[in-house]
Amino acid sequence: MELKDYGLPVTSISPDVFIEKKIDTEEDVPVVTIGDIHAGSEHFNERFFKKAINWAVDNGAYVMMIGDYFENGLLHFGKQDEKSADDIMDFLVDSLEPLKDRILAAVAGNHDDRSMKHQPQIDITRVLCTRLGIQHLYRPNGAIVKVKLGKDSRHHRPLTYWLYGTHGVGGARGEGGKMMQLKRMSQNYTFCDLYLMGHYHWIMSNSDAVWVPVENSVENRMAKHVRKYLLCGSFLDWGGYAERGQFQMGNMSIPYVTLDAKIKDVRITI
């Protein structure tokens, strides 16, 4: 995949630098993921992609971008994108423009990174983020986002939610293997309320809980901290590589997360 030189080198941001977002609302906040678009693939479902964008706009949703925005077909495998790289970039920028002010973070995927094999100084995900004006929200490998919103009905303070999103890796075929790959994220970032991952083109959720100390507790109390997990699906119709490898066909839908504005609660809708 060739791309005109925007003069933007590959960058790496330390994983200990998180993103902070204050949302001035006392209403529940929906969050959707945009990823595994694979624009340029013959199996890219543009109609459903636009439906998801419109749903996010109409519902005032915030967005976590989780990679594989580009198909980046491998020429040595006899694959080639249906449009030029610049046309695909323009399409993605135009499509995501209505949501740019509600994007919480963006990470890169393995298909996006293929460009660096041919043009090692060009990070096309950073180019996409720069053109959207959200380059400060770009984290190549994974993004931690601290979201403050609403008002706790008991303490009358804003509620804080910690989100972690990454594209993901691995070739797990079974549901258990896919979910375990997602849940491994909580080994390094144990404190998050929500973990998001793409890559598998599969929609599935799970949850667990751990004990955490209650800060400033005079009784040395512990509290149960619930953690939610969501595999986020894709915008690809089944066929081609998936059919050849006999990967299970997944359901194409718009999963979303609701962050409650009155009590600390993360609700996943699939």
C-alpha atoms as a PDB file:
ATOM      1  CA  MET A   1       0.000   0.000   0.000  1.00  0.00           C
ATOM      2  CA  GLU A   2       1.618   3.232  -1.100  1.00  0.00           C
ATOM      3  CA  LEU A   3       0.898   6.518   0.576  1.00  0.00           C
ATOM      4  CA  LYS A   4       2.129   9.977  -0.182  1.00  0.00           C
ATOM      5  CA  ASP A   5       4.719  11.191   2.323  1.00  0.00           C
ATOM      6  CA  TYR A   6       3.096  13.366   4.988  1.00  0.00           C
ATOM      7  CA  GLY A   7       6.440  13.690   6.769  1.00  0.00           C
ATOM      8  CA  LEU A   8       5.143  12.058   9.946  1.00  0.00           C
ATOM      9  CA  PRO A   9       7.592   9.596  11.486  1.00  0.00           C
ATOM     10  CA  VAL A  10       6.603   6.644  13.636  1.00  0.00           C
ATOM     11  CA  THR A  11       6.274   7.686  17.258  1.00  0.00           C
ATOM     12  CA  SER A  12       5.983   5.796  20.506  1.00  0.00           C
ATOM     13  CA  ILE A  13       4.340   7.163  23.634  1.00  0.00           C
ATOM     14  CA  SER A  14       5.117   5.661  27.015  1.00  0.00           C
ATOM     15  CA  PRO A  15       2.317   3.379  28.257  1.00  0.00           C
ATOM     16  CA  ASP A  16       2.308   5.257  31.578  1.00  0.00           C
ATOM     17  CA  VAL A  17       0.864   8.389  29.904  1.00  0.00           C
ATOM     18  CA  PHE A  18      -2.916   8.130  30.057  1.00  0.00           C
ATOM     19  CA  ILE A  19      -5.573  10.260  28.377  1.00  0.00           C
ATOM     20  CA  GLU A  20      -8.034  12.215  30.483  1.00  0.00           C
ATOM     21  CA  LYS A  21     -11.500  13.259  29.345  1.00  0.00           C
ATOM     22  CA  LYS A  22     -14.057  15.262  31.338  1.00  0.00           C
ATOM     23  CA  ILE A  23     -17.558  14.943  29.910  1.00  0.00           C
ATOM     24  CA  ASP A  24     -19.849  17.692  31.170  1.00  0.00           C
ATOM     25  CA  THR A  25     -23.112  15.799  31.494  1.00  0.00           C
ATOM     26  CA  GLU A  26     -25.354  14.235  34.083  1.00  0.00           C
ATOM     27  CA  GLU A  27     -26.774  11.786  31.544  1.00  0.00           C
ATOM     28  CA  ASP A  28     -25.484   8.271  30.870  1.00  0.00           C
ATOM     29  CA  VAL A  29     -22.767   8.190  28.204  1.00  0.00           C
ATOM     30  CA  PRO A  30     -22.665   5.594  25.387  1.00  0.00           C
ATOM     31  CA  VAL A  31     -19.274   4.492  24.063  1.00  0.00           C
ATOM     32  CA  VAL A  32     -18.788   2.608  20.779  1.00  0.00           C
ATOM     33  CA  THR A  33     -15.691   1.135  19.181  1.00  0.00           C
ATOM     34  CA  ILE A  34     -14.611   1.844  15.629  1.00  0.00           C
ATOM     35  CA  GLY A  35     -12.087  -0.646  14.347  1.00  0.00           C
ATOM     36  CA  ASP A  36     -11.461  -3.600  12.057  1.00  0.00           C
ATOM     37  CA  ILE A  37     -12.850  -1.511   9.212  1.00  0.00           C
ATOM     38  CA  HIS A  38     -10.387  -2.907   6.656  1.00  0.00           C
ATOM     39  CA  ALA A  39     -11.210  -0.161   4.174  1.00  0.00           C
ATOM     40  CA  GLY A  40      -9.912  -1.204   0.765  1.00  0.00           C
ATOM     41  CA  SER A  41     -10.887  -4.859   1.131  1.00  0.00           C
ATOM     42  CA  GLU A  42     -13.356  -6.315  -1.319  1.00  0.00           C
ATOM     43  CA  HIS A  43     -15.251  -7.633   1.728  1.00  0.00           C
ATOM     44  CA  PHE A  44     -15.515  -4.247   3.486  1.00  0.00           C
ATOM     45  CA  ASN A  45     -19.180  -3.577   4.274  1.00  0.00           C
ATOM     46  CA  GLU A  46     -19.404   0.161   3.648  1.00  0.00           C
ATOM     47  CA  ARG A  47     -23.159   0.275   4.201  1.00  0.00           C
ATOM     48  CA  PHE A  48     -22.896  -1.149   7.707  1.00  0.00           C
ATOM     49  CA  PHE A  49     -19.885   1.042   8.509  1.00  0.00           C
ATOM     50  CA  LYS A  50     -21.889   4.160   7.637  1.00  0.00           C
ATOM     51  CA  LYS A  51     -24.805   2.833   9.681  1.00  0.00           C
ATOM     52  CA  ALA A  52     -22.505   2.541  12.727  1.00  0.00           C
ATOM     53  CA  ILE A  53     -21.173   6.066  12.197  1.00  0.00           C
ATOM     54  CA  ASN A  54     -24.715   7.441  11.924  1.00  0.00           C
ATOM     55  CA  TRP A  55     -25.778   5.540  15.048  1.00  0.00           C
ATOM     56  CA  ALA A  56     -22.868   7.028  17.011  1.00  0.00           C
ATOM     57  CA  VAL A  57     -23.679  10.547  15.793  1.00  0.00           C
ATOM     58  CA  ASP A  58     -27.421  10.240  16.455  1.00  0.00           C
ATOM     59  CA  ASN A  59     -26.899   8.845  19.967  1.00  0.00           C
ATOM     60  CA  GLY A  60     -24.141  11.230  21.015  1.00  0.00           C
ATOM     61  CA  ALA A  61     -21.750   8.334  21.542  1.00  0.00           C
ATOM     62  CA  TYR A  62     -18.078   8.653  22.354  1.00  0.00           C
ATOM     63  CA  VAL A  63     -15.607   6.536  20.402  1.00  0.00           C
ATOM     64  CA  MET A  64     -12.637   4.274  21.084  1.00  0.00           C
ATOM     65  CA  MET A  65     -10.744   3.578  17.844  1.00  0.00           C
ATOM     66  CA  ILE A  66      -9.093   0.171  18.046  1.00  0.00           C
ATOM     67  CA  GLY A  67      -7.110  -0.372  14.846  1.00  0.00           C
ATOM     68  CA  ASP A  68      -7.166  -2.047  11.437  1.00  0.00           C
ATOM     69  CA  TYR A  69      -8.741   0.911   9.701  1.00  0.00           C
ATOM     70  CA  PHE A  70      -6.938  -0.063   6.465  1.00  0.00           C
ATOM     71  CA  GLU A  71      -6.900  -3.433   4.717  1.00  0.00           C
ATOM     72  CA  ASN A  72      -3.363  -2.905   3.404  1.00  0.00           C
ATOM     73  CA  GLY A  73      -3.436  -5.923   1.083  1.00  0.00           C
ATOM     74  CA  LEU A  74      -0.144  -7.791   0.805  1.00  0.00           C
ATOM     75  CA  LEU A  75       0.991  -7.730  -2.811  1.00  0.00           C
ATOM     76  CA  HIS A  76       3.274 -10.734  -2.386  1.00  0.00           C
ATOM     77  CA  PHE A  77       0.157 -12.737  -1.460  1.00  0.00           C
ATOM     78  CA  GLY A  78      -1.513 -11.578  -4.682  1.00  0.00           C
ATOM     79  CA  LYS A  79      -3.761  -9.161  -2.782  1.00  0.00           C
ATOM     80  CA  GLN A  80      -4.317  -5.528  -3.589  1.00  0.00           C
ATOM     81  CA  ASP A  81      -6.613  -2.857  -2.176  1.00  0.00           C
ATOM     82  CA  GLU A  82      -9.513  -1.901  -4.429  1.00  0.00           C
ATOM     83  CA  LYS A  83      -8.690   1.819  -4.148  1.00  0.00           C
ATOM     84  CA  SER A  84      -5.493   3.830  -3.858  1.00  0.00           C
ATOM     85  CA  ALA A  85      -4.093   4.486  -0.403  1.00  0.00           C
ATOM     86  CA  ASP A  86      -4.829   8.197  -0.688  1.00  0.00           C
ATOM     87  CA  ASP A  87      -8.456   7.539  -1.691  1.00  0.00           C
ATOM     88  CA  ILE A  88      -8.870   5.179   1.273  1.00  0.00           C
ATOM     89  CA  MET A  89      -7.344   7.756   3.633  1.00  0.00           C
ATOM     90  CA  ASP A  90      -9.678  10.466   2.302  1.00  0.00           C
ATOM     91  CA  PHE A  91     -12.679   8.160   2.710  1.00  0.00           C
ATOM     92  CA  LEU A  92     -11.820   7.373   6.340  1.00  0.00           C
ATOM     93  CA  VAL A  93     -11.167  11.016   7.213  1.00  0.00           C
ATOM     94  CA  ASP A  94     -14.464  12.113   5.642  1.00  0.00           C
ATOM     95  CA  SER A  95     -16.364   9.272   7.357  1.00  0.00           C
ATOM     96  CA  LEU A  96     -14.913   9.879  10.838  1.00  0.00           C
ATOM     97  CA  GLU A  97     -15.060  13.677  10.660  1.00  0.00           C
ATOM     98  CA  PRO A  98     -18.515  13.926  12.343  1.00  0.00           C
ATOM     99  CA  LEU A  99     -17.155  11.990  15.341  1.00  0.00           C
ATOM    100  CA  LYS A 100     -13.728  13.578  15.765  1.00  0.00           C
ATOM    101  CA  ASP A 101     -14.731  15.683  18.787  1.00  0.00           C
ATOM    102  CA  ARG A 102     -16.009  12.574  20.585  1.00  0.00           C
ATOM    103  CA  ILE A 103     -13.037  10.287  19.987  1.00  0.00           C
ATOM    104  CA  LEU A 104     -11.469   9.255  23.291  1.00  0.00           C
ATOM    105  CA  ALA A 105      -8.377   7.501  21.915  1.00  0.00           C
ATOM    106  CA  ALA A 106      -6.993   5.722  18.851  1.00  0.00           C
ATOM    107  CA  VAL A 107      -4.607   2.777  18.549  1.00  0.00           C
ATOM    108  CA  ALA A 108      -3.049   1.035  15.541  1.00  0.00           C
ATOM    109  CA  GLY A 109      -3.728  -2.481  14.251  1.00  0.00           C
ATOM    110  CA  ASN A 110      -1.561  -5.076  12.554  1.00  0.00           C
ATOM    111  CA  HIS A 111      -3.027  -4.329   9.105  1.00  0.00           C
ATOM    112  CA  ASP A 112      -2.296  -0.626   9.552  1.00  0.00           C
ATOM    113  CA  ASP A 113       1.298  -1.431  10.513  1.00  0.00           C
ATOM    114  CA  ARG A 114       1.895  -3.245   7.215  1.00  0.00           C
ATOM    115  CA  SER A 115       2.648   0.119   5.603  1.00  0.00           C
ATOM    116  CA  MET A 116       5.796   0.418   7.671  1.00  0.00           C
ATOM    117  CA  LYS A 117       7.240  -2.625   5.936  1.00  0.00           C
ATOM    118  CA  HIS A 118       7.322  -0.623   2.696  1.00  0.00           C
ATOM    119  CA  GLN A 119       7.690   2.917   4.044  1.00  0.00           C
ATOM    120  CA  PRO A 120       9.331   2.485   7.480  1.00  0.00           C
ATOM    121  CA  GLN A 121       9.018   6.169   8.411  1.00  0.00           C
ATOM    122  CA  ILE A 122       5.279   6.450   7.771  1.00  0.00           C
ATOM    123  CA  ASP A 123       2.757   5.517  10.444  1.00  0.00           C
ATOM    124  CA  ILE A 124      -0.543   5.678   8.581  1.00  0.00           C
ATOM    125  CA  THR A 125      -2.635   5.564  11.761  1.00  0.00           C
ATOM    126  CA  ARG A 126      -0.833   8.656  12.989  1.00  0.00           C
ATOM    127  CA  VAL A 127      -1.482  10.270   9.597  1.00  0.00           C
ATOM    128  CA  LEU A 128      -5.188   9.461   9.949  1.00  0.00           C
ATOM    129  CA  CYS A 129      -5.271  10.901  13.476  1.00  0.00           C
ATOM    130  CA  THR A 130      -3.368  14.007  12.390  1.00  0.00           C
ATOM    131  CA  ARG A 131      -5.792  14.702   9.573  1.00  0.00           C
ATOM    132  CA  LEU A 132      -8.662  14.331  12.053  1.00  0.00           C
ATOM    133  CA  GLY A 133      -6.895  16.683  14.476  1.00  0.00           C
ATOM    134  CA  ILE A 134      -6.654  14.024  17.209  1.00  0.00           C
ATOM    135  CA  GLN A 135      -2.943  13.168  17.037  1.00  0.00           C
ATOM    136  CA  HIS A 136      -2.675  13.883  20.783  1.00  0.00           C
ATOM    137  CA  LEU A 137      -5.081  10.964  21.374  1.00  0.00           C
ATOM    138  CA  TYR A 138      -2.983   8.454  19.418  1.00  0.00           C
ATOM    139  CA  ARG A 139      -1.304   5.605  21.259  1.00  0.00           C
ATOM    140  CA  PRO A 140       0.257   3.062  18.861  1.00  0.00           C
ATOM    141  CA  ASN A 141      -0.094  -0.037  21.057  1.00  0.00           C
ATOM    142  CA  GLY A 142      -2.738   0.582  23.682  1.00  0.00           C
ATOM    143  CA  ALA A 143      -4.588   3.492  25.277  1.00  0.00           C
ATOM    144  CA  ILE A 144      -5.675   4.114  28.850  1.00  0.00           C
ATOM    145  CA  VAL A 145      -8.436   6.700  29.171  1.00  0.00           C
ATOM    146  CA  LYS A 146      -9.678   8.266  32.395  1.00  0.00           C
ATOM    147  CA  VAL A 147     -13.251   9.483  31.890  1.00  0.00           C
ATOM    148  CA  LYS A 148     -15.018  11.727  34.387  1.00  0.00           C
ATOM    149  CA  LEU A 149     -18.757  12.344  34.036  1.00  0.00           C
ATOM    150  CA  GLY A 150     -22.038  12.787  35.854  1.00  0.00           C
ATOM    151  CA  LYS A 151     -22.474  13.089  39.610  1.00  0.00           C
ATOM    152  CA  ASP A 152     -22.438  10.257  42.123  1.00  0.00           C
ATOM    153  CA  SER A 153     -25.930  10.126  43.672  1.00  0.00           C
ATOM    154  CA  ARG A 154     -24.422   9.347  47.072  1.00  0.00           C
ATOM    155  CA  HIS A 155     -21.328  11.542  47.311  1.00  0.00           C
ATOM    156  CA  HIS A 156     -22.302  14.193  44.715  1.00  0.00           C
ATOM    157  CA  ARG A 157     -18.919  13.969  42.993  1.00  0.00           C
ATOM    158  CA  PRO A 158     -18.124  13.177  39.332  1.00  0.00           C
ATOM    159  CA  LEU A 159     -17.787   9.478  38.606  1.00  0.00           C
ATOM    160  CA  THR A 160     -14.458   8.215  37.273  1.00  0.00           C
ATOM    161  CA  TYR A 161     -14.164   5.389  34.748  1.00  0.00           C
ATOM    162  CA  TRP A 162     -10.907   3.856  33.528  1.00  0.00           C
ATOM    163  CA  LEU A 163     -10.948   2.393  29.990  1.00  0.00           C
ATOM    164  CA  TYR A 164      -8.249   0.417  28.216  1.00  0.00           C
ATOM    165  CA  GLY A 165      -8.269  -0.312  24.494  1.00  0.00           C
ATOM    166  CA  THR A 166      -5.856  -2.166  22.239  1.00  0.00           C
ATOM    167  CA  HIS A 167      -6.150  -3.850  18.867  1.00  0.00           C
ATOM    168  CA  GLY A 168      -4.974  -7.275  19.992  1.00  0.00           C
ATOM    169  CA  VAL A 169      -2.877 -10.072  18.552  1.00  0.00           C
ATOM    170  CA  GLY A 170      -3.042 -13.830  18.218  1.00  0.00           C
ATOM    171  CA  GLY A 171      -4.787 -16.481  16.181  1.00  0.00           C
ATOM    172  CA  ALA A 172      -7.180 -18.054  18.685  1.00  0.00           C
ATOM    173  CA  ARG A 173     -10.154 -19.773  17.040  1.00  0.00           C
ATOM    174  CA  GLY A 174     -12.221 -20.814  20.048  1.00  0.00           C
ATOM    175  CA  GLU A 175     -14.299 -18.363  22.060  1.00  0.00           C
ATOM    176  CA  GLY A 176     -12.395 -19.203  25.235  1.00  0.00           C
ATOM    177  CA  GLY A 177      -9.033 -18.488  23.631  1.00  0.00           C
ATOM    178  CA  LYS A 178     -10.228 -15.172  22.208  1.00  0.00           C
ATOM    179  CA  MET A 179     -11.615 -14.019  25.542  1.00  0.00           C
ATOM    180  CA  MET A 180      -8.508 -15.118  27.446  1.00  0.00           C
ATOM    181  CA  GLN A 181      -6.380 -13.029  25.086  1.00  0.00           C
ATOM    182  CA  LEU A 182      -8.548 -10.031  25.955  1.00  0.00           C
ATOM    183  CA  LYS A 183      -8.508 -10.720  29.693  1.00  0.00           C
ATOM    184  CA  ARG A 184      -4.710 -10.866  29.708  1.00  0.00           C
ATOM    185  CA  MET A 185      -4.810  -7.072  29.451  1.00  0.00           C
ATOM    186  CA  SER A 186      -5.983  -6.895  33.063  1.00  0.00           C
ATOM    187  CA  GLN A 187      -2.716  -8.488  34.219  1.00  0.00           C
ATOM    188  CA  ASN A 188      -0.837  -5.275  33.474  1.00  0.00           C
ATOM    189  CA  TYR A 189      -3.631  -2.747  34.048  1.00  0.00           C
ATOM    190  CA  THR A 190      -5.532  -4.281  36.935  1.00  0.00           C
ATOM    191  CA  PHE A 191      -7.506  -1.152  37.866  1.00  0.00           C
ATOM    192  CA  CYS A 192      -9.571  -0.544  34.713  1.00  0.00           C
ATOM    193  CA  ASP A 193     -13.347  -0.736  34.600  1.00  0.00           C
ATOM    194  CA  LEU A 194     -13.566  -1.658  30.905  1.00  0.00           C
ATOM    195  CA  TYR A 195     -11.215  -3.479  28.524  1.00  0.00           C
ATOM    196  CA  LEU A 196     -11.774  -3.307  24.747  1.00  0.00           C
ATOM    197  CA  MET A 197     -10.125  -5.301  21.955  1.00  0.00           C
ATOM    198  CA  GLY A 198     -10.645  -6.022  18.268  1.00  0.00           C
ATOM    199  CA  HIS A 199      -8.604  -8.216  15.897  1.00  0.00           C
ATOM    200  CA  TYR A 200     -10.758 -11.351  16.083  1.00  0.00           C
ATOM    201  CA  HIS A 201     -13.808  -9.975  14.214  1.00  0.00           C
ATOM    202  CA  TRP A 202     -15.896 -11.469  16.976  1.00  0.00           C
ATOM    203  CA  ILE A 203     -18.375  -9.943  19.428  1.00  0.00           C
ATOM    204  CA  MET A 204     -18.367 -11.251  22.976  1.00  0.00           C
ATOM    205  CA  SER A 205     -18.384  -9.872  26.515  1.00  0.00           C
ATOM    206  CA  ASN A 206     -17.314 -11.068  29.934  1.00  0.00           C
ATOM    207  CA  SER A 207     -16.672  -9.781  33.429  1.00  0.00           C
ATOM    208  CA  ASP A 208     -14.766 -10.555  36.600  1.00  0.00           C
ATOM    209  CA  ALA A 209     -14.035  -8.869  39.935  1.00  0.00           C
ATOM    210  CA  VAL A 210     -11.100  -8.279  42.290  1.00  0.00           C
ATOM    211  CA  TRP A 211     -10.781  -6.920  45.810  1.00  0.00           C
ATOM    212  CA  VAL A 212      -9.307  -3.441  46.149  1.00  0.00           C
ATOM    213  CA  PRO A 213      -8.692  -1.304  49.245  1.00  0.00           C
ATOM    214  CA  VAL A 214     -11.073   1.580  49.876  1.00  0.00           C
ATOM    215  CA  GLU A 215      -9.055   4.795  49.965  1.00  0.00           C
ATOM    216  CA  ASN A 216      -9.226   6.813  53.178  1.00  0.00           C
ATOM    217  CA  SER A 217     -11.245   4.093  54.885  1.00  0.00           C
ATOM    218  CA  VAL A 218     -10.989   4.399  58.666  1.00  0.00           C
ATOM    219  CA  GLU A 219     -12.038   0.758  58.995  1.00  0.00           C
ATOM    220  CA  ASN A 220      -9.450  -0.593  56.520  1.00  0.00           C
ATOM    221  CA  ARG A 221     -12.268  -1.812  54.306  1.00  0.00           C
ATOM    222  CA  MET A 222     -11.974  -3.619  50.986  1.00  0.00           C
ATOM    223  CA  ALA A 223     -14.415  -3.296  48.089  1.00  0.00           C
ATOM    224  CA  LYS A 224     -15.225  -5.430  45.072  1.00  0.00           C
ATOM    225  CA  HIS A 225     -14.005  -3.879  41.823  1.00  0.00           C
ATOM    226  CA  VAL A 226     -15.934  -5.192  38.797  1.00  0.00           C
ATOM    227  CA  ARG A 227     -14.128  -5.312  35.431  1.00  0.00           C
ATOM    228  CA  LYS A 228     -15.940  -5.648  32.097  1.00  0.00           C
ATOM    229  CA  TYR A 229     -14.502  -6.991  28.826  1.00  0.00           C
ATOM    230  CA  LEU A 230     -15.701  -6.550  25.237  1.00  0.00           C
ATOM    231  CA  LEU A 231     -14.501  -8.058  21.958  1.00  0.00           C
ATOM    232  CA  CYS A 232     -15.727  -5.599  19.376  1.00  0.00           C
ATOM    233  CA  GLY A 233     -16.519  -7.182  15.998  1.00  0.00           C
ATOM    234  CA  SER A 234     -15.673  -5.838  12.538  1.00  0.00           C
ATOM    235  CA  PHE A 235     -17.016  -4.287   9.338  1.00  0.00           C
ATOM    236  CA  LEU A 236     -15.984  -7.173   7.081  1.00  0.00           C
ATOM    237  CA  ASP A 237     -18.344  -9.580   5.388  1.00  0.00           C
ATOM    238  CA  TRP A 238     -17.330 -13.219   5.686  1.00  0.00           C
ATOM    239  CA  GLY A 239     -15.357 -14.610   2.760  1.00  0.00           C
ATOM    240  CA  GLY A 240     -11.933 -14.721   1.174  1.00  0.00           C
ATOM    241  CA  TYR A 241      -9.245 -15.375   3.804  1.00  0.00           C
ATOM    242  CA  ALA A 242     -11.866 -16.180   6.468  1.00  0.00           C
ATOM    243  CA  GLU A 243     -13.567 -18.729   4.251  1.00  0.00           C
ATOM    244  CA  ARG A 244     -10.324 -20.285   3.084  1.00  0.00           C
ATOM    245  CA  GLY A 245      -9.207 -20.709   6.687  1.00  0.00           C
ATOM    246  CA  GLN A 246     -12.696 -21.809   7.783  1.00  0.00           C
ATOM    247  CA  PHE A 247     -12.923 -19.194  10.523  1.00  0.00           C
ATOM    248  CA  GLN A 248     -16.297 -19.061  12.264  1.00  0.00           C
ATOM    249  CA  MET A 249     -18.622 -16.448  10.788  1.00  0.00           C
ATOM    250  CA  GLY A 250     -19.420 -13.748  13.338  1.00  0.00           C
ATOM    251  CA  ASN A 251     -22.490 -11.573  13.761  1.00  0.00           C
ATOM    252  CA  MET A 252     -22.213  -8.014  12.426  1.00  0.00           C
ATOM    253  CA  SER A 253     -23.801  -5.597  14.885  1.00  0.00           C
ATOM    254  CA  ILE A 254     -23.041  -2.406  16.810  1.00  0.00           C
ATOM    255  CA  PRO A 255     -22.048  -3.327  20.369  1.00  0.00           C
ATOM    256  CA  TYR A 256     -21.815  -0.401  22.737  1.00  0.00           C
ATOM    257  CA  VAL A 257     -21.049   0.393  26.344  1.00  0.00           C
ATOM    258  CA  THR A 258     -23.029   2.653  28.661  1.00  0.00           C
ATOM    259  CA  LEU A 259     -21.200   4.548  31.417  1.00  0.00           C
ATOM    260  CA  ASP A 260     -23.751   5.357  34.107  1.00  0.00           C
ATOM    261  CA  ALA A 261     -23.786   8.989  35.258  1.00  0.00           C
ATOM    262  CA  LYS A 262     -25.321   8.413  38.727  1.00  0.00           C
ATOM    263  CA  ILE A 263     -23.798   5.189  40.059  1.00  0.00           C
ATOM    264  CA  LYS A 264     -20.530   3.486  39.117  1.00  0.00           C
ATOM    265  CA  ASP A 265     -21.739   0.966  36.541  1.00  0.00           C
ATOM    266  CA  VAL A 266     -20.573  -0.203  33.108  1.00  0.00           C
ATOM    267  CA  ARG A 267     -23.266  -1.837  30.971  1.00  0.00           C
ATOM    268  CA  ILE A 268     -22.461  -3.684  27.738  1.00  0.00           C
ATOM    269  CA  THR A 269     -25.096  -4.059  25.022  1.00  0.00           C
ATOM    270  CA  ILE A 270     -24.462  -6.509  22.181  1.00  0.00           C
END
